[in-house]
Amino acid sequence: MNIKNFGRKAYIILAAIALIAIAAPESVMAQDRAEIEATTLVKPGQKAPDFTVELVDGQKVPLSSLKGKIVLINFWATWCPPCKSELPDFDRVCADYGEDVVFMMVNMTDGYQETVEKAKAFIADTGYTFPVYFDTESEAAIAYNATSIPATYFIDAEGNLVVYARGMLDAANLQKGID
């Protein structure tokens, strides 16, 4: 085999590997999106499932009581690094919107890995001001099939799911979801 032919073959093989590497992430992302769609119980345009969670003071709050308002539901936990990374943006955007958008920051309170006490201490230590709701009965998590967190759902004033995101959101994407 002469050097010229070897070089050409090596170039073709490297180019093929590069194309596969470039195309693979998009196909994996498309597969991930399909899997997310398949595991999400509620789809955009559908009525948002109702659930009841508790505020820090123990007051029970059903999602249906917020009809007529734009609602953002975020599932999070203190043991979740991506959740903790996105919380500063959620806190800032929540403060910016005031009462125009209801932020339901739903803590995945299972009583074992995540407890009400642990979540309260985390919020006190960080100084976040968004309202924290505790899903101590997993009612919200089950209603939205929140098996991975963070997960965020945007509900319109009529009580319909507009869009949702699984994974961490930054301020720009959070804003897009609200708009």
Foldseek 3Di string as FASTA:
>chain_A
DDPVVVVVVVVVVVVVVVVCVVVVVVVVVVVVVVVLVVQWPADFPAFQDWDWWAFLVGDIDIPVVQAQAKEKEWEDEPVDVLRVVQQVLVLVVCVVCPRRYQYEDEYADQPPPGHSVVVVVVCVVVVRDHTYTYPHVCRNCVSGVPPADGKMWIAHNRRGTHDIDHTHDHNVVVVVSPD
